[in-house]
Amino acid sequence: MENSIRAGDIEPTKKEFLTGCECDTDKECRYNSCTCLQDVEDDSSDYGNGSSDGAELTDDSFGYRFHKKAYAYHSHGPRTGHLRSKVLASRNPIYECHDSCVCSSNCPSRVVEKGRKVPLQIFRTANRGWGVRSTVDIKKGQFLDKYMGEIITAQEANRRRAQSHIAQRKDVYLFALDKFSNPDSFDERLRGPPLEVDGEFVSGPTRFINHSCDPNLRIFARVGDHADKHIHDLAFFAIRDIPRGEELTFDYVDGVDDSEMDARDPAKQKDMARCLCGSKKCRGYLW
């Protein structure tokens, strides 16, 4: 499975709203002149400092101008195609080129689009059911795979949660696509309840990645066509070097305000899911 699938009641974006970049060369897709990168947050530290991952001075008919590197990846050396450190340390979305662009399939800004290149192995853990590991070493900033499943409405997601509770099934594989949810958005699809991805019945190996309070992966929202922000990808990247055979994990509540999740309160503990990650930074409970 290479991509999530839409439930029958999830309509695709109309073709007239789909857009892509018109960069003359693949190299241009790394800079802020690429329309696919128009929403990347500005960071003045990227301006020309002699680094190949900084800015480039170009000549046009009006003189010289800076094209600042805006895409998320390293472009030279052994870390080519790996997330740059400032992106990896953030929770900002990643923007890439896509099928509607005129750039080639070799464009450096198509890392997630090209799919998984790392072999993943599902195995039985000692105390947490199934887990995932790789048979090769993984480098910091390297893309692993996407979280995939069936894209459904918020109403259907809530119905499935309720069914799972009634049936007393512990595992729920729902992820809300809420990175761009905004009640003030001009896009009505972003104003309402977000769509969700359910990986229970249709998915890939990442469905089995377990939680850790001290994880080695982070999940990022990845946007291709800006008209599809409401169905953005969920992409896993390594946040440190991971030796082959080590279990792959991510923080299920990464970036969420847990001020209301006080595990020291016995009254709250009865409704919280106990964490079994075993790390030194374990919070004791998931939610």
C-alpha atoms as a PDB file:
ATOM      1  CA  MET A   1       0.000   0.000   0.000  1.00  0.00           C
ATOM      2  CA  GLU A   2       1.541   3.299  -1.122  1.00  0.00           C
ATOM      3  CA  ASN A   3      -1.154   5.803  -0.145  1.00  0.00           C
ATOM      4  CA  SER A   4      -4.212   6.143   2.047  1.00  0.00           C
ATOM      5  CA  ILE A   5      -7.564   5.519   0.409  1.00  0.00           C
ATOM      6  CA  ARG A   6     -10.628   7.756   0.673  1.00  0.00           C
ATOM      7  CA  ALA A   7     -13.917   6.431   1.984  1.00  0.00           C
ATOM      8  CA  GLY A   8     -16.761   6.688  -0.524  1.00  0.00           C
ATOM      9  CA  ASP A   9     -18.149   9.876   0.988  1.00  0.00           C
ATOM     10  CA  ILE A  10     -14.810  11.751   0.846  1.00  0.00           C
ATOM     11  CA  GLU A  11     -14.757  13.661  -2.420  1.00  0.00           C
ATOM     12  CA  PRO A  12     -11.447  14.409  -4.138  1.00  0.00           C
ATOM     13  CA  THR A  13     -10.406  18.008  -4.752  1.00  0.00           C
ATOM     14  CA  LYS A  14     -11.788  19.320  -8.036  1.00  0.00           C
ATOM     15  CA  LYS A  15      -9.189  19.412 -10.795  1.00  0.00           C
ATOM     16  CA  GLU A  16      -9.632  23.143 -11.382  1.00  0.00           C
ATOM     17  CA  PHE A  17      -8.295  23.826  -7.888  1.00  0.00           C
ATOM     18  CA  LEU A  18      -5.164  21.676  -8.230  1.00  0.00           C
ATOM     19  CA  THR A  19      -1.923  23.575  -8.837  1.00  0.00           C
ATOM     20  CA  GLY A  20       1.781  22.836  -9.051  1.00  0.00           C
ATOM     21  CA  CYS A  21       5.038  24.682  -9.467  1.00  0.00           C
ATOM     22  CA  GLU A  22       6.408  25.795 -12.843  1.00  0.00           C
ATOM     23  CA  CYS A  23      10.088  25.829 -11.931  1.00  0.00           C
ATOM     24  CA  ASP A  24      12.411  25.775 -14.973  1.00  0.00           C
ATOM     25  CA  THR A  25      14.768  23.264 -13.362  1.00  0.00           C
ATOM     26  CA  ASP A  26      14.567  20.758 -10.515  1.00  0.00           C
ATOM     27  CA  LYS A  27      17.179  22.769  -8.635  1.00  0.00           C
ATOM     28  CA  GLU A  28      14.809  25.731  -8.401  1.00  0.00           C
ATOM     29  CA  CYS A  29      12.383  23.620  -6.377  1.00  0.00           C
ATOM     30  CA  ARG A  30      14.679  23.991  -3.379  1.00  0.00           C
ATOM     31  CA  TYR A  31      14.164  27.751  -3.091  1.00  0.00           C
ATOM     32  CA  ASN A  32      11.437  30.126  -1.994  1.00  0.00           C
ATOM     33  CA  SER A  33      10.704  30.998  -5.625  1.00  0.00           C
ATOM     34  CA  CYS A  34       8.981  27.587  -5.937  1.00  0.00           C
ATOM     35  CA  THR A  35       5.238  28.023  -5.464  1.00  0.00           C
ATOM     36  CA  CYS A  36       4.989  24.684  -3.640  1.00  0.00           C
ATOM     37  CA  LEU A  37       7.040  26.257  -0.839  1.00  0.00           C
ATOM     38  CA  GLN A  38       5.028  29.456  -0.537  1.00  0.00           C
ATOM     39  CA  ASP A  39       3.752  28.593   2.963  1.00  0.00           C
ATOM     40  CA  VAL A  40       7.101  27.576   4.452  1.00  0.00           C
ATOM     41  CA  GLU A  41       7.790  29.632   7.558  1.00  0.00           C
ATOM     42  CA  ASP A  42      10.529  32.215   7.067  1.00  0.00           C
ATOM     43  CA  ASP A  43      13.833  31.796   8.892  1.00  0.00           C
ATOM     44  CA  SER A  44      16.466  34.470   8.305  1.00  0.00           C
ATOM     45  CA  SER A  45      19.199  32.094   9.521  1.00  0.00           C
ATOM     46  CA  ASP A  46      19.015  30.417   6.111  1.00  0.00           C
ATOM     47  CA  TYR A  47      20.379  33.437   4.258  1.00  0.00           C
ATOM     48  CA  GLY A  48      23.712  33.216   2.509  1.00  0.00           C
ATOM     49  CA  ASN A  49      26.409  32.184   4.923  1.00  0.00           C
ATOM     50  CA  GLY A  50      28.571  30.267   2.485  1.00  0.00           C
ATOM     51  CA  SER A  51      26.587  27.109   3.138  1.00  0.00           C
ATOM     52  CA  SER A  52      25.249  25.026   0.286  1.00  0.00           C
ATOM     53  CA  ASP A  53      22.024  24.777   2.279  1.00  0.00           C
ATOM     54  CA  GLY A  54      21.676  28.551   2.635  1.00  0.00           C
ATOM     55  CA  ALA A  55      20.829  31.026  -0.125  1.00  0.00           C
ATOM     56  CA  GLU A  56      21.871  31.534  -3.698  1.00  0.00           C
ATOM     57  CA  LEU A  57      22.517  34.805  -5.488  1.00  0.00           C
ATOM     58  CA  THR A  58      20.972  34.735  -8.951  1.00  0.00           C
ATOM     59  CA  ASP A  59      20.863  37.127 -11.868  1.00  0.00           C
ATOM     60  CA  ASP A  60      17.669  38.205 -13.616  1.00  0.00           C
ATOM     61  CA  SER A  61      16.749  40.997 -15.994  1.00  0.00           C
ATOM     62  CA  PHE A  62      16.431  43.446 -13.101  1.00  0.00           C
ATOM     63  CA  GLY A  63      19.747  42.697 -11.455  1.00  0.00           C
ATOM     64  CA  TYR A  64      20.605  40.363  -8.603  1.00  0.00           C
ATOM     65  CA  ARG A  65      18.321  38.782  -6.036  1.00  0.00           C
ATOM     66  CA  PHE A  66      18.544  36.183  -3.300  1.00  0.00           C
ATOM     67  CA  HIS A  67      16.706  32.876  -3.609  1.00  0.00           C
ATOM     68  CA  LYS A  68      16.557  31.502  -0.094  1.00  0.00           C
ATOM     69  CA  LYS A  69      16.511  27.765   0.450  1.00  0.00           C
ATOM     70  CA  ALA A  70      13.030  26.907   1.654  1.00  0.00           C
ATOM     71  CA  TYR A  71      12.637  23.189   1.168  1.00  0.00           C
ATOM     72  CA  ALA A  72      13.076  20.876   4.117  1.00  0.00           C
ATOM     73  CA  TYR A  73      16.007  18.681   3.096  1.00  0.00           C
ATOM     74  CA  HIS A  74      19.763  18.630   2.825  1.00  0.00           C
ATOM     75  CA  SER A  75      20.873  18.813  -0.790  1.00  0.00           C
ATOM     76  CA  HIS A  76      24.550  17.741  -0.665  1.00  0.00           C
ATOM     77  CA  GLY A  77      26.739  15.070   0.901  1.00  0.00           C
ATOM     78  CA  PRO A  78      25.789  11.913   2.810  1.00  0.00           C
ATOM     79  CA  ARG A  79      22.694  13.574   4.299  1.00  0.00           C
ATOM     80  CA  THR A  80      21.119  14.385   0.946  1.00  0.00           C
ATOM     81  CA  GLY A  81      17.364  13.935   1.193  1.00  0.00           C
ATOM     82  CA  HIS A  82      17.372  13.949   5.008  1.00  0.00           C
ATOM     83  CA  LEU A  83      15.462  16.567   6.961  1.00  0.00           C
ATOM     84  CA  ARG A  84      17.505  19.563   8.008  1.00  0.00           C
ATOM     85  CA  SER A  85      18.025  19.867  11.769  1.00  0.00           C
ATOM     86  CA  LYS A  86      15.874  22.955  12.268  1.00  0.00           C
ATOM     87  CA  VAL A  87      12.926  21.236  10.564  1.00  0.00           C
ATOM     88  CA  LEU A  88      13.490  18.010  12.466  1.00  0.00           C
ATOM     89  CA  ALA A  89      13.436  19.864  15.787  1.00  0.00           C
ATOM     90  CA  SER A  90      10.170  21.585  14.909  1.00  0.00           C
ATOM     91  CA  ARG A  91       6.647  20.367  14.394  1.00  0.00           C
ATOM     92  CA  ASN A  92       6.178  22.447  11.263  1.00  0.00           C
ATOM     93  CA  PRO A  93       4.583  20.892   8.185  1.00  0.00           C
ATOM     94  CA  ILE A  94       6.715  19.783   5.244  1.00  0.00           C
ATOM     95  CA  TYR A  95       5.879  21.026   1.750  1.00  0.00           C
ATOM     96  CA  GLU A  96       6.888  19.077  -1.352  1.00  0.00           C
ATOM     97  CA  CYS A  97       6.444  19.073  -5.104  1.00  0.00           C
ATOM     98  CA  HIS A  98       3.926  16.623  -6.547  1.00  0.00           C
ATOM     99  CA  ASP A  99       2.169  15.245  -9.624  1.00  0.00           C
ATOM    100  CA  SER A 100       0.762  18.614 -10.719  1.00  0.00           C
ATOM    101  CA  CYS A 101       4.240  20.176 -10.906  1.00  0.00           C
ATOM    102  CA  VAL A 102       6.304  20.513 -14.085  1.00  0.00           C
ATOM    103  CA  CYS A 103       9.507  19.439 -12.330  1.00  0.00           C
ATOM    104  CA  SER A 104      10.760  15.906 -12.931  1.00  0.00           C
ATOM    105  CA  SER A 105      10.468  12.827 -10.753  1.00  0.00           C
ATOM    106  CA  ASN A 106      14.103  13.487  -9.749  1.00  0.00           C
ATOM    107  CA  CYS A 107      13.167  16.784  -8.080  1.00  0.00           C
ATOM    108  CA  PRO A 108      14.902  16.937  -4.652  1.00  0.00           C
ATOM    109  CA  SER A 109      11.655  18.120  -3.085  1.00  0.00           C
ATOM    110  CA  ARG A 110       9.842  14.807  -3.608  1.00  0.00           C
ATOM    111  CA  VAL A 111      11.191  12.678  -0.751  1.00  0.00           C
ATOM    112  CA  VAL A 112       7.921  11.553   0.832  1.00  0.00           C
ATOM    113  CA  GLU A 113       6.213  11.338  -2.556  1.00  0.00           C
ATOM    114  CA  LYS A 114       8.745   8.716  -3.694  1.00  0.00           C
ATOM    115  CA  GLY A 115       7.664   6.420  -0.870  1.00  0.00           C
ATOM    116  CA  ARG A 116       9.441   4.145   1.576  1.00  0.00           C
ATOM    117  CA  LYS A 117      13.005   3.067   0.782  1.00  0.00           C
ATOM    118  CA  VAL A 118      13.763   1.509   4.181  1.00  0.00           C
ATOM    119  CA  PRO A 119      12.951  -2.196   4.834  1.00  0.00           C
ATOM    120  CA  LEU A 120      10.626  -2.563   7.814  1.00  0.00           C
ATOM    121  CA  GLN A 121       9.980  -5.716   9.825  1.00  0.00           C
ATOM    122  CA  ILE A 122       6.989  -6.410  12.060  1.00  0.00           C
ATOM    123  CA  PHE A 123       7.902  -8.421  15.154  1.00  0.00           C
ATOM    124  CA  ARG A 124       6.425  -9.529  18.457  1.00  0.00           C
ATOM    125  CA  THR A 125       7.540  -7.426  21.444  1.00  0.00           C
ATOM    126  CA  ALA A 126       7.882  -8.735  24.991  1.00  0.00           C
ATOM    127  CA  ASN A 127       4.975  -6.805  26.484  1.00  0.00           C
ATOM    128  CA  ARG A 128       3.345  -4.489  23.918  1.00  0.00           C
ATOM    129  CA  GLY A 129       2.058  -6.753  21.196  1.00  0.00           C
ATOM    130  CA  TRP A 130       3.450  -6.167  17.710  1.00  0.00           C
ATOM    131  CA  GLY A 131       6.211  -3.670  16.995  1.00  0.00           C
ATOM    132  CA  VAL A 132       8.276  -2.470  14.040  1.00  0.00           C
ATOM    133  CA  ARG A 133      12.028  -2.396  13.421  1.00  0.00           C
ATOM    134  CA  SER A 134      14.324  -2.083  10.432  1.00  0.00           C
ATOM    135  CA  THR A 135      16.927  -4.526   9.164  1.00  0.00           C
ATOM    136  CA  VAL A 136      19.250  -1.636   8.233  1.00  0.00           C
ATOM    137  CA  ASP A 137      20.684   1.353  10.092  1.00  0.00           C
ATOM    138  CA  ILE A 138      18.619   4.533   9.841  1.00  0.00           C
ATOM    139  CA  LYS A 139      20.154   8.004   9.888  1.00  0.00           C
ATOM    140  CA  LYS A 140      18.891  11.085  11.681  1.00  0.00           C
ATOM    141  CA  GLY A 141      16.500  12.990   9.442  1.00  0.00           C
ATOM    142  CA  GLN A 142      15.817  10.015   7.169  1.00  0.00           C
ATOM    143  CA  PHE A 143      12.276   9.390   5.912  1.00  0.00           C
ATOM    144  CA  LEU A 144      10.799   6.010   6.828  1.00  0.00           C
ATOM    145  CA  ASP A 145       7.244   5.709   5.635  1.00  0.00           C
ATOM    146  CA  LYS A 146       3.781   7.233   5.883  1.00  0.00           C
ATOM    147  CA  TYR A 147       0.974   6.328   8.250  1.00  0.00           C
ATOM    148  CA  MET A 148      -1.721   5.069   5.897  1.00  0.00           C
ATOM    149  CA  GLY A 149      -5.260   3.845   6.111  1.00  0.00           C
ATOM    150  CA  GLU A 150      -8.803   4.769   5.205  1.00  0.00           C
ATOM    151  CA  ILE A 151      -9.581   8.502   5.212  1.00  0.00           C
ATOM    152  CA  ILE A 152     -12.961   9.025   6.891  1.00  0.00           C
ATOM    153  CA  THR A 153     -15.083  11.853   8.264  1.00  0.00           C
ATOM    154  CA  ALA A 154     -14.890  12.950  11.892  1.00  0.00           C
ATOM    155  CA  GLN A 155     -18.416  11.626  12.424  1.00  0.00           C
ATOM    156  CA  GLU A 156     -17.460   8.164  11.170  1.00  0.00           C
ATOM    157  CA  ALA A 157     -14.263   8.246  13.265  1.00  0.00           C
ATOM    158  CA  ASN A 158     -16.272   8.982  16.411  1.00  0.00           C
ATOM    159  CA  ARG A 159     -18.677   6.160  15.559  1.00  0.00           C
ATOM    160  CA  ARG A 160     -15.780   3.713  15.240  1.00  0.00           C
ATOM    161  CA  ARG A 161     -14.276   4.918  18.542  1.00  0.00           C
ATOM    162  CA  ALA A 162     -17.591   4.309  20.275  1.00  0.00           C
ATOM    163  CA  GLN A 163     -17.862   0.827  18.742  1.00  0.00           C
ATOM    164  CA  SER A 164     -14.340  -0.002  19.861  1.00  0.00           C
ATOM    165  CA  HIS A 165     -15.182   1.074  23.411  1.00  0.00           C
ATOM    166  CA  ILE A 166     -18.343  -1.021  23.468  1.00  0.00           C
ATOM    167  CA  ALA A 167     -16.468  -4.051  22.155  1.00  0.00           C
ATOM    168  CA  GLN A 168     -13.682  -3.382  24.700  1.00  0.00           C
ATOM    169  CA  ARG A 169     -11.001  -3.417  22.011  1.00  0.00           C
ATOM    170  CA  LYS A 170      -7.920  -1.641  23.329  1.00  0.00           C
ATOM    171  CA  ASP A 171      -6.305  -0.756  20.003  1.00  0.00           C
ATOM    172  CA  VAL A 172      -7.592   2.239  18.032  1.00  0.00           C
ATOM    173  CA  TYR A 173      -5.721   3.227  14.886  1.00  0.00           C
ATOM    174  CA  LEU A 174      -7.254   6.646  14.218  1.00  0.00           C
ATOM    175  CA  PHE A 175      -5.189   9.758  13.453  1.00  0.00           C
ATOM    176  CA  ALA A 176      -6.851  13.146  12.981  1.00  0.00           C
ATOM    177  CA  LEU A 177      -5.682  15.199   9.985  1.00  0.00           C
ATOM    178  CA  ASP A 178      -5.964  18.377  12.043  1.00  0.00           C
ATOM    179  CA  LYS A 179      -2.635  20.122  11.379  1.00  0.00           C
ATOM    180  CA  PHE A 180      -4.326  22.870   9.354  1.00  0.00           C
ATOM    181  CA  SER A 181      -7.700  22.977  11.098  1.00  0.00           C
ATOM    182  CA  ASN A 182      -8.716  26.594  11.629  1.00  0.00           C
ATOM    183  CA  PRO A 183     -12.221  27.912  12.407  1.00  0.00           C
ATOM    184  CA  ASP A 184     -11.294  31.150  10.577  1.00  0.00           C
ATOM    185  CA  SER A 185      -9.965  29.492   7.412  1.00  0.00           C
ATOM    186  CA  PHE A 186     -11.287  30.536   4.008  1.00  0.00           C
ATOM    187  CA  ASP A 187     -11.382  26.839   3.112  1.00  0.00           C
ATOM    188  CA  GLU A 188     -14.591  25.348   4.495  1.00  0.00           C
ATOM    189  CA  ARG A 189     -12.913  21.941   4.675  1.00  0.00           C
ATOM    190  CA  LEU A 190     -10.428  23.324   7.210  1.00  0.00           C
ATOM    191  CA  ARG A 191     -13.048  25.157   9.267  1.00  0.00           C
ATOM    192  CA  GLY A 192     -14.975  22.059  10.245  1.00  0.00           C
ATOM    193  CA  PRO A 193     -14.023  18.847  12.055  1.00  0.00           C
ATOM    194  CA  PRO A 194     -10.902  17.316  10.477  1.00  0.00           C
ATOM    195  CA  LEU A 195     -10.862  14.111   8.503  1.00  0.00           C
ATOM    196  CA  GLU A 196      -9.177  11.128  10.138  1.00  0.00           C
ATOM    197  CA  VAL A 197      -7.068   8.187   8.963  1.00  0.00           C
ATOM    198  CA  ASP A 198      -8.078   4.761  10.239  1.00  0.00           C
ATOM    199  CA  GLY A 199      -5.328   2.171   9.875  1.00  0.00           C
ATOM    200  CA  GLU A 200      -7.147  -0.724  11.540  1.00  0.00           C
ATOM    201  CA  PHE A 201      -8.284  -2.629   8.453  1.00  0.00           C
ATOM    202  CA  VAL A 202      -6.351  -1.016   5.581  1.00  0.00           C
ATOM    203  CA  SER A 203      -2.800   0.116   6.272  1.00  0.00           C
ATOM    204  CA  GLY A 204       0.930  -0.486   6.013  1.00  0.00           C
ATOM    205  CA  PRO A 205       3.568  -1.639   8.536  1.00  0.00           C
ATOM    206  CA  THR A 206       3.632   1.731  10.336  1.00  0.00           C
ATOM    207  CA  ARG A 207       0.271   0.834  11.851  1.00  0.00           C
ATOM    208  CA  PHE A 208       2.234  -1.348  14.308  1.00  0.00           C
ATOM    209  CA  ILE A 209       4.701   1.328  15.497  1.00  0.00           C
ATOM    210  CA  ASN A 210       4.423   1.623  19.276  1.00  0.00           C
ATOM    211  CA  HIS A 211       4.498   4.655  21.536  1.00  0.00           C
ATOM    212  CA  SER A 212       7.495   5.796  23.569  1.00  0.00           C
ATOM    213  CA  CYS A 213       7.926   8.810  25.829  1.00  0.00           C
ATOM    214  CA  ASP A 214      11.514   8.921  24.508  1.00  0.00           C
ATOM    215  CA  PRO A 215      10.962   8.062  20.819  1.00  0.00           C
ATOM    216  CA  ASN A 216      13.337   7.739  17.877  1.00  0.00           C
ATOM    217  CA  LEU A 217      10.763   8.926  15.291  1.00  0.00           C
ATOM    218  CA  ARG A 218       8.547  11.961  14.816  1.00  0.00           C
ATOM    219  CA  ILE A 219       5.500  12.228  12.594  1.00  0.00           C
ATOM    220  CA  PHE A 220       5.165  15.273  10.320  1.00  0.00           C
ATOM    221  CA  ALA A 221       2.325  16.638   8.236  1.00  0.00           C
ATOM    222  CA  ARG A 222       3.426  16.572   4.591  1.00  0.00           C
ATOM    223  CA  VAL A 223       1.646  18.696   1.986  1.00  0.00           C
ATOM    224  CA  GLY A 224       1.804  18.156  -1.747  1.00  0.00           C
ATOM    225  CA  ASP A 225      -0.867  20.153  -3.544  1.00  0.00           C
ATOM    226  CA  HIS A 226      -1.954  23.071  -1.336  1.00  0.00           C
ATOM    227  CA  ALA A 227      -5.566  22.390  -2.303  1.00  0.00           C
ATOM    228  CA  ASP A 228      -5.298  19.070  -0.450  1.00  0.00           C
ATOM    229  CA  LYS A 229      -4.218  20.345   2.958  1.00  0.00           C
ATOM    230  CA  HIS A 230      -7.269  18.717   4.538  1.00  0.00           C
ATOM    231  CA  ILE A 231      -5.946  15.281   3.469  1.00  0.00           C
ATOM    232  CA  HIS A 232      -2.232  15.829   4.087  1.00  0.00           C
ATOM    233  CA  ASP A 233       0.140  12.906   4.535  1.00  0.00           C
ATOM    234  CA  LEU A 234       1.464  11.717   7.907  1.00  0.00           C
ATOM    235  CA  ALA A 235       5.189  11.068   7.411  1.00  0.00           C
ATOM    236  CA  PHE A 236       7.620   9.398   9.839  1.00  0.00           C
ATOM    237  CA  PHE A 237      11.216  10.693  10.097  1.00  0.00           C
ATOM    238  CA  ALA A 238      14.058   9.546  12.372  1.00  0.00           C
ATOM    239  CA  ILE A 239      14.960  12.167  14.988  1.00  0.00           C
ATOM    240  CA  ARG A 240      18.258  10.429  15.789  1.00  0.00           C
ATOM    241  CA  ASP A 241      20.448   7.681  14.345  1.00  0.00           C
ATOM    242  CA  ILE A 242      18.739   4.320  14.833  1.00  0.00           C
ATOM    243  CA  PRO A 243      20.773   1.092  14.680  1.00  0.00           C
ATOM    244  CA  ARG A 244      19.230  -1.826  12.829  1.00  0.00           C
ATOM    245  CA  GLY A 245      17.065  -4.028  15.012  1.00  0.00           C
ATOM    246  CA  GLU A 246      16.083  -1.258  17.456  1.00  0.00           C
ATOM    247  CA  GLU A 247      12.329  -0.921  17.847  1.00  0.00           C
ATOM    248  CA  LEU A 248      10.894   2.108  16.063  1.00  0.00           C
ATOM    249  CA  THR A 249       8.710   4.338  18.233  1.00  0.00           C
ATOM    250  CA  PHE A 250       7.064   7.742  18.257  1.00  0.00           C
ATOM    251  CA  ASP A 251       5.295   9.825  20.887  1.00  0.00           C
ATOM    252  CA  TYR A 252       1.545   9.404  20.435  1.00  0.00           C
ATOM    253  CA  VAL A 253       0.879  12.758  22.131  1.00  0.00           C
ATOM    254  CA  ASP A 254       3.883  14.684  20.801  1.00  0.00           C
ATOM    255  CA  GLY A 255       3.313  18.426  21.053  1.00  0.00           C
ATOM    256  CA  VAL A 256      -0.046  18.078  22.845  1.00  0.00           C
ATOM    257  CA  ASP A 257      -0.589  20.135  25.988  1.00  0.00           C
ATOM    258  CA  ASP A 258      -0.701  17.513  28.744  1.00  0.00           C
ATOM    259  CA  SER A 259      -1.340  19.954  31.602  1.00  0.00           C
ATOM    260  CA  GLU A 260      -4.723  18.320  32.172  1.00  0.00           C
ATOM    261  CA  MET A 261      -3.218  14.823  32.189  1.00  0.00           C
ATOM    262  CA  ASP A 262      -1.903  14.752  35.754  1.00  0.00           C
ATOM    263  CA  ALA A 263      -1.111  11.086  36.375  1.00  0.00           C
ATOM    264  CA  ARG A 264      -0.536  11.864  40.067  1.00  0.00           C
ATOM    265  CA  ASP A 265      -4.276  12.326  40.542  1.00  0.00           C
ATOM    266  CA  PRO A 266      -5.775   8.905  41.459  1.00  0.00           C
ATOM    267  CA  ALA A 267      -9.216  10.081  40.287  1.00  0.00           C
ATOM    268  CA  LYS A 268      -7.858  10.618  36.762  1.00  0.00           C
ATOM    269  CA  GLN A 269      -5.730   7.482  36.617  1.00  0.00           C
ATOM    270  CA  LYS A 270      -8.707   5.157  36.279  1.00  0.00           C
ATOM    271  CA  ASP A 271      -9.578   6.699  32.897  1.00  0.00           C
ATOM    272  CA  MET A 272      -6.005   6.954  31.585  1.00  0.00           C
ATOM    273  CA  ALA A 273      -4.103   4.480  29.419  1.00  0.00           C
ATOM    274  CA  ARG A 274      -1.015   3.178  31.185  1.00  0.00           C
ATOM    275  CA  CYS A 275       2.258   3.580  29.279  1.00  0.00           C
ATOM    276  CA  LEU A 276       4.482   0.516  28.913  1.00  0.00           C
ATOM    277  CA  CYS A 277       7.347   2.094  26.963  1.00  0.00           C
ATOM    278  CA  GLY A 278       9.862   1.487  29.785  1.00  0.00           C
ATOM    279  CA  SER A 279      12.010   4.517  28.961  1.00  0.00           C
ATOM    280  CA  LYS A 280      13.680   6.635  31.637  1.00  0.00           C
ATOM    281  CA  LYS A 281      11.480   9.539  30.532  1.00  0.00           C
ATOM    282  CA  CYS A 282       8.249   7.536  30.767  1.00  0.00           C
ATOM    283  CA  ARG A 283       5.301   9.707  31.852  1.00  0.00           C
ATOM    284  CA  GLY A 284       3.455   6.700  33.250  1.00  0.00           C
ATOM    285  CA  TYR A 285       0.303   7.212  31.212  1.00  0.00           C
ATOM    286  CA  LEU A 286      -0.490   7.922  27.556  1.00  0.00           C
ATOM    287  CA  TRP A 287      -3.698   9.942  27.992  1.00  0.00           C
END
